[in-house]
Amino acid sequence: MTDEITSENKNAKLKDDQAAALVVAQAFIVFSAIYWFTQIESVRELLQLAYG
């Protein structure tokens, strides 16, 4: 009986950890995409200023 409970708790904790890791990974990807988009736009604006 206690083996089943601890097994269920381990499975629930594993699912929680996986969900948290997925959220962190998605946030990192979104942040990276926004960061690179702004960097590329900045370079394009500088090139437009330099060459017209």
PDB file of N, CA and C in Angstrom:
ATOM      1  N   MET A   1       0.828  -1.193   0.000  1.00  0.00           N
ATOM      2  CA  MET A   1       0.000   0.000   0.000  1.00  0.00           C
ATOM      3  C   MET A   1       0.872   1.257   0.000  1.00  0.00           C
ATOM      4  N   THR A   2       1.845   1.316   0.884  1.00  0.00           N
ATOM      5  CA  THR A   2       2.698   2.506   0.935  1.00  0.00           C
ATOM      6  C   THR A   2       3.578   2.599  -0.298  1.00  0.00           C
ATOM      7  N   ASP A   3       3.928   1.445  -0.885  1.00  0.00           N
ATOM      8  CA  ASP A   3       4.718   1.460  -2.113  1.00  0.00           C
ATOM      9  C   ASP A   3       3.936   2.121  -3.249  1.00  0.00           C
ATOM     10  N   GLU A   4       2.626   1.858  -3.297  1.00  0.00           N
ATOM     11  CA  GLU A   4       1.792   2.460  -4.337  1.00  0.00           C
ATOM     12  C   GLU A   4       1.692   3.964  -4.126  1.00  0.00           C
ATOM     13  N   ILE A   5       1.567   4.391  -2.896  1.00  0.00           N
ATOM     14  CA  ILE A   5       1.441   5.820  -2.606  1.00  0.00           C
ATOM     15  C   ILE A   5       2.734   6.547  -2.964  1.00  0.00           C
ATOM     16  N   THR A   6       3.866   5.998  -2.578  1.00  0.00           N
ATOM     17  CA  THR A   6       5.119   6.660  -2.897  1.00  0.00           C
ATOM     18  C   THR A   6       5.367   6.650  -4.400  1.00  0.00           C
ATOM     19  N   SER A   7       4.956   5.583  -5.067  1.00  0.00           N
ATOM     20  CA  SER A   7       5.101   5.522  -6.520  1.00  0.00           C
ATOM     21  C   SER A   7       4.235   6.591  -7.183  1.00  0.00           C
ATOM     22  N   GLU A   8       3.016   6.769  -6.698  1.00  0.00           N
ATOM     23  CA  GLU A   8       2.126   7.797  -7.245  1.00  0.00           C
ATOM     24  C   GLU A   8       2.689   9.187  -6.970  1.00  0.00           C
ATOM     25  N   ASN A   9       3.247   9.380  -5.774  1.00  0.00           N
ATOM     26  CA  ASN A   9       3.848  10.673  -5.439  1.00  0.00           C
ATOM     27  C   ASN A   9       5.050  10.962  -6.327  1.00  0.00           C
ATOM     28  N   LYS A  10       5.858   9.940  -6.590  1.00  0.00           N
ATOM     29  CA  LYS A  10       7.021  10.128  -7.462  1.00  0.00           C
ATOM     30  C   LYS A  10       6.578  10.471  -8.881  1.00  0.00           C
ATOM     31  N   ASN A  11       5.534   9.791  -9.357  1.00  0.00           N
ATOM     32  CA  ASN A  11       5.033  10.073 -10.695  1.00  0.00           C
ATOM     33  C   ASN A  11       4.461  11.485 -10.778  1.00  0.00           C
ATOM     34  N   ALA A  12       3.747  11.902  -9.742  1.00  0.00           N
ATOM     35  CA  ALA A  12       3.186  13.258  -9.728  1.00  0.00           C
ATOM     36  C   ALA A  12       4.302  14.294  -9.678  1.00  0.00           C
ATOM     37  N   LYS A  13       5.319  14.053  -8.869  1.00  0.00           N
ATOM     38  CA  LYS A  13       6.435  14.986  -8.793  1.00  0.00           C
ATOM     39  C   LYS A  13       7.179  15.055 -10.117  1.00  0.00           C
ATOM     40  N   LEU A  14       7.354  13.920 -10.771  1.00  0.00           N
ATOM     41  CA  LEU A  14       8.024  13.887 -12.066  1.00  0.00           C
ATOM     42  C   LEU A  14       7.226  14.683 -13.092  1.00  0.00           C
ATOM     43  N   LYS A  15       5.915  14.521 -13.103  1.00  0.00           N
ATOM     44  CA  LYS A  15       5.079  15.279 -14.037  1.00  0.00           C
ATOM     45  C   LYS A  15       5.144  16.765 -13.743  1.00  0.00           C
ATOM     46  N   ASP A  16       5.158  17.149 -12.473  1.00  0.00           N
ATOM     47  CA  ASP A  16       5.286  18.562 -12.100  1.00  0.00           C
ATOM     48  C   ASP A  16       6.631  19.120 -12.545  1.00  0.00           C
ATOM     49  N   ASP A  17       7.688  18.347 -12.339  1.00  0.00           N
ATOM     50  CA  ASP A  17       9.027  18.783 -12.760  1.00  0.00           C
ATOM     51  C   ASP A  17       9.101  18.940 -14.273  1.00  0.00           C
ATOM     52  N   GLN A  18       8.495  18.004 -15.001  1.00  0.00           N
ATOM     53  CA  GLN A  18       8.502  18.085 -16.456  1.00  0.00           C
ATOM     54  C   GLN A  18       7.707  19.291 -16.936  1.00  0.00           C
ATOM     55  N   ALA A  19       6.579  19.560 -16.303  1.00  0.00           N
ATOM     56  CA  ALA A  19       5.768  20.719 -16.682  1.00  0.00           C
ATOM     57  C   ALA A  19       6.524  22.009 -16.408  1.00  0.00           C
ATOM     58  N   ALA A  20       7.203  22.076 -15.282  1.00  0.00           N
ATOM     59  CA  ALA A  20       7.989  23.270 -14.957  1.00  0.00           C
ATOM     60  C   ALA A  20       9.133  23.453 -15.948  1.00  0.00           C
ATOM     61  N   ALA A  21       9.802  22.380 -16.311  1.00  0.00           N
ATOM     62  CA  ALA A  21      10.895  22.457 -17.278  1.00  0.00           C
ATOM     63  C   ALA A  21      10.372  22.911 -18.640  1.00  0.00           C
ATOM     64  N   LEU A  22       9.205  22.439 -19.036  1.00  0.00           N
ATOM     65  CA  LEU A  22       8.610  22.846 -20.304  1.00  0.00           C
ATOM     66  C   LEU A  22       8.287  24.335 -20.307  1.00  0.00           C
ATOM     67  N   VAL A  23       7.748  24.838 -19.218  1.00  0.00           N
ATOM     68  CA  VAL A  23       7.431  26.263 -19.117  1.00  0.00           C
ATOM     69  C   VAL A  23       8.706  27.102 -19.195  1.00  0.00           C
ATOM     70  N   VAL A  24       9.738  26.686 -18.489  1.00  0.00           N
ATOM     71  CA  VAL A  24      11.004  27.419 -18.514  1.00  0.00           C
ATOM     72  C   VAL A  24      11.610  27.406 -19.914  1.00  0.00           C
ATOM     73  N   ALA A  25      11.577  26.254 -20.575  1.00  0.00           N
ATOM     74  CA  ALA A  25      12.132  26.155 -21.924  1.00  0.00           C
ATOM     75  C   ALA A  25      11.359  27.049 -22.896  1.00  0.00           C
ATOM     76  N   GLN A  26      10.037  27.069 -22.785  1.00  0.00           N
ATOM     77  CA  GLN A  26       9.233  27.915 -23.661  1.00  0.00           C
ATOM     78  C   GLN A  26       9.512  29.389 -23.403  1.00  0.00           C
ATOM     79  N   ALA A  27       9.633  29.768 -22.151  1.00  0.00           N
ATOM     80  CA  ALA A  27       9.934  31.163 -21.823  1.00  0.00           C
ATOM     81  C   ALA A  27      11.290  31.556 -22.380  1.00  0.00           C
ATOM     82  N   PHE A  28      12.277  30.675 -22.279  1.00  0.00           N
ATOM     83  CA  PHE A  28      13.611  30.948 -22.818  1.00  0.00           C
ATOM     84  C   PHE A  28      13.571  31.118 -24.334  1.00  0.00           C
ATOM     85  N   ILE A  29      12.830  30.265 -25.008  1.00  0.00           N
ATOM     86  CA  ILE A  29      12.729  30.352 -26.472  1.00  0.00           C
ATOM     87  C   ILE A  29      12.047  31.644 -26.881  1.00  0.00           C
ATOM     88  N   VAL A  30      10.974  32.012 -26.210  1.00  0.00           N
ATOM     89  CA  VAL A  30      10.265  33.250 -26.539  1.00  0.00           C
ATOM     90  C   VAL A  30      11.163  34.457 -26.274  1.00  0.00           C
ATOM     91  N   PHE A  31      11.833  34.478 -25.140  1.00  0.00           N
ATOM     92  CA  PHE A  31      12.735  35.584 -24.824  1.00  0.00           C
ATOM     93  C   PHE A  31      13.844  35.691 -25.862  1.00  0.00           C
ATOM     94  N   SER A  32      14.409  34.546 -26.255  1.00  0.00           N
ATOM     95  CA  SER A  32      15.475  34.554 -27.259  1.00  0.00           C
ATOM     96  C   SER A  32      14.980  35.089 -28.590  1.00  0.00           C
ATOM     97  N   ALA A  33      13.795  34.692 -28.995  1.00  0.00           N
ATOM     98  CA  ALA A  33      13.245  35.154 -30.264  1.00  0.00           C
ATOM     99  C   ALA A  33      13.021  36.662 -30.242  1.00  0.00           C
ATOM    100  N   ILE A  34      12.474  37.173 -29.153  1.00  0.00           N
ATOM    101  CA  ILE A  34      12.254  38.619 -29.040  1.00  0.00           C
ATOM    102  C   ILE A  34      13.585  39.359 -29.029  1.00  0.00           C
ATOM    103  N   TYR A  35      14.558  38.843 -28.289  1.00  0.00           N
ATOM    104  CA  TYR A  35      15.867  39.472 -28.211  1.00  0.00           C
ATOM    105  C   TYR A  35      16.513  39.545 -29.595  1.00  0.00           C
ATOM    106  N   TRP A  36      16.539  38.432 -30.318  1.00  0.00           N
ATOM    107  CA  TRP A  36      17.189  38.416 -31.633  1.00  0.00           C
ATOM    108  C   TRP A  36      16.434  39.274 -32.634  1.00  0.00           C
ATOM    109  N   PHE A  37      15.115  39.300 -32.545  1.00  0.00           N
ATOM    110  CA  PHE A  37      14.345  40.152 -33.444  1.00  0.00           C
ATOM    111  C   PHE A  37      14.711  41.618 -33.223  1.00  0.00           C
ATOM    112  N   THR A  38      14.797  42.042 -31.961  1.00  0.00           N
ATOM    113  CA  THR A  38      15.153  43.440 -31.687  1.00  0.00           C
ATOM    114  C   THR A  38      16.590  43.736 -32.117  1.00  0.00           C
ATOM    115  N   GLN A  39      17.493  42.783 -31.952  1.00  0.00           N
ATOM    116  CA  GLN A  39      18.873  42.989 -32.387  1.00  0.00           C
ATOM    117  C   GLN A  39      18.959  43.141 -33.903  1.00  0.00           C
ATOM    118  N   ILE A  40      18.241  42.296 -34.618  1.00  0.00           N
ATOM    119  CA  ILE A  40      18.251  42.376 -36.084  1.00  0.00           C
ATOM    120  C   ILE A  40      17.650  43.687 -36.551  1.00  0.00           C
ATOM    121  N   GLU A  41      16.566  44.106 -35.919  1.00  0.00           N
ATOM    122  CA  GLU A  41      15.957  45.390 -36.290  1.00  0.00           C
ATOM    123  C   GLU A  41      16.913  46.549 -36.022  1.00  0.00           C
ATOM    124  N   SER A  42      17.645  46.488 -34.939  1.00  0.00           N
ATOM    125  CA  SER A  42      18.611  47.533 -34.624  1.00  0.00           C
ATOM    126  C   SER A  42      19.698  47.607 -35.689  1.00  0.00           C
ATOM    127  N   VAL A  43      20.209  46.465 -36.110  1.00  0.00           N
ATOM    128  CA  VAL A  43      21.241  46.443 -37.146  1.00  0.00           C
ATOM    129  C   VAL A  43      20.684  46.979 -38.462  1.00  0.00           C
ATOM    130  N   ARG A  44      19.470  46.614 -38.789  1.00  0.00           N
ATOM    131  CA  ARG A  44      18.865  47.107 -40.031  1.00  0.00           C
ATOM    132  C   ARG A  44      18.717  48.631 -40.001  1.00  0.00           C
ATOM    133  N   GLU A  45      18.316  49.169 -38.841  1.00  0.00           N
ATOM    134  CA  GLU A  45      18.184  50.627 -38.722  1.00  0.00           C
ATOM    135  C   GLU A  45      19.542  51.311 -38.850  1.00  0.00           C
ATOM    136  N   LEU A  46      20.577  50.725 -38.238  1.00  0.00           N
ATOM    137  CA  LEU A  46      21.919  51.309 -38.358  1.00  0.00           C
ATOM    138  C   LEU A  46      22.419  51.265 -39.799  1.00  0.00           C
ATOM    139  N   LEU A  47      22.173  50.176 -40.487  1.00  0.00           N
ATOM    140  CA  LEU A  47      22.584  50.083 -41.892  1.00  0.00           C
ATOM    141  C   LEU A  47      21.811  51.087 -42.766  1.00  0.00           C
ATOM    142  N   GLN A  48      20.549  51.267 -42.457  1.00  0.00           N
ATOM    143  CA  GLN A  48      19.764  52.242 -43.212  1.00  0.00           C
ATOM    144  C   GLN A  48      20.288  53.657 -42.969  1.00  0.00           C
ATOM    145  N   LEU A  49      20.677  53.959 -41.743  1.00  0.00           N
ATOM    146  CA  LEU A  49      21.253  55.265 -41.454  1.00  0.00           C
ATOM    147  C   LEU A  49      22.595  55.436 -42.166  1.00  0.00           C
ATOM    148  N   ALA A  50      23.373  54.378 -42.225  1.00  0.00           N
ATOM    149  CA  ALA A  50      24.705  54.477 -42.828  1.00  0.00           C
ATOM    150  C   ALA A  50      24.649  54.590 -44.342  1.00  0.00           C
ATOM    151  N   TYR A  51      23.752  53.847 -44.960  1.00  0.00           N
ATOM    152  CA  TYR A  51      23.758  53.792 -46.431  1.00  0.00           C
ATOM    153  C   TYR A  51      22.536  54.425 -47.084  1.00  0.00           C
ATOM    154  N   GLY A  52      21.586  54.860 -46.287  1.00  0.00           N
ATOM    155  CA  GLY A  52      20.425  55.556 -46.842  1.00  0.00           C
ATOM    156  C   GLY A  52      19.365  54.714 -47.411  1.00  0.00           C
TER     157      GLY A  52
END
